Protein backbone atom coordinates (compact mmCIF):
# COMPACT_ATOMS: atom_id res chain seq x y z
CA MET A 1 116.31 77.62 93.94
CA ARG A 2 113.88 80.54 93.94
CA SER A 3 111.60 78.84 96.44
CA LEU A 4 114.56 78.20 98.71
CA VAL A 5 115.46 81.89 98.65
CA ALA A 6 111.83 82.86 99.32
CA LEU A 7 111.79 80.47 102.26
CA MET A 8 115.00 81.99 103.61
CA VAL A 9 113.57 85.51 103.32
CA ALA A 10 110.38 84.46 105.10
CA SER A 11 112.24 82.73 107.90
CA SER A 12 114.55 85.70 108.40
CA THR A 13 111.50 87.96 108.59
CA PHE A 14 110.03 85.94 111.41
CA GLY A 15 113.38 85.60 113.13
CA LEU A 16 114.16 89.30 113.06
CA SER A 17 110.65 90.31 114.08
CA GLY A 18 111.24 88.72 117.47
CA CYS A 19 114.30 90.92 118.02
CA VAL A 20 112.58 94.21 117.33
CA GLY A 21 111.16 96.17 120.25
CA ASP A 22 108.44 98.78 120.27
CA ARG A 23 110.48 101.45 118.52
CA THR A 24 109.13 102.48 115.14
CA LEU A 25 112.55 103.27 113.74
CA ASP A 26 113.79 99.76 114.51
CA ARG A 27 110.82 98.23 112.71
CA ALA A 28 111.41 100.50 109.71
CA VAL A 29 115.09 99.55 109.48
CA VAL A 30 114.39 95.83 109.74
CA GLY A 31 111.56 96.12 107.22
CA ALA A 32 113.81 97.99 104.81
CA ALA A 33 116.56 95.39 105.11
CA ILE A 34 114.19 92.52 104.51
CA GLY A 35 112.45 94.38 101.70
CA CYS A 36 115.77 95.11 100.00
CA ALA A 37 116.80 91.46 100.18
CA ALA A 38 113.43 90.30 98.87
CA GLY A 39 113.42 92.85 96.06
CA GLU A 40 116.95 91.96 95.04
CA VAL A 41 116.26 88.24 94.90
CA LEU A 42 112.62 87.95 93.89
CA VAL A 43 112.33 90.83 91.41
CA ASP A 44 115.89 90.85 89.98
CA GLY A 45 117.62 93.93 91.32
CA ARG A 46 114.79 95.98 92.82
CA CYS A 47 116.47 96.61 96.17
CA VAL A 48 115.44 100.25 96.55
CA GLU A 49 111.78 99.63 95.78
CA GLY A 50 111.73 96.65 98.13
CA ALA A 51 113.37 98.70 100.88
CA ILE A 52 110.77 101.45 100.54
CA VAL A 53 107.89 99.00 100.72
CA GLY A 54 109.52 97.05 103.56
CA ALA A 55 110.12 100.19 105.62
CA GLY A 56 106.53 101.29 105.10
CA VAL A 57 105.22 97.92 106.19
CA GLY A 58 107.55 97.95 109.19
CA VAL A 59 106.28 101.35 110.31
CA LEU A 60 102.61 100.51 109.84
CA THR A 61 102.63 97.12 111.56
CA LYS A 62 103.06 96.49 115.21
């Protein structure tokens, strides 16, 4: 079950990355949403920490 959830998070990451334009704020929001979902599922309730890391990754990557 855990690997299925990890696969769903990874596929949603790639799917949403195609929708994001060049705006940094958009990448931060999408990264935070994906990070929150990953933190909630993979680390048992760590949504806030996952959102912070996801937003940081979204801002730094292009």
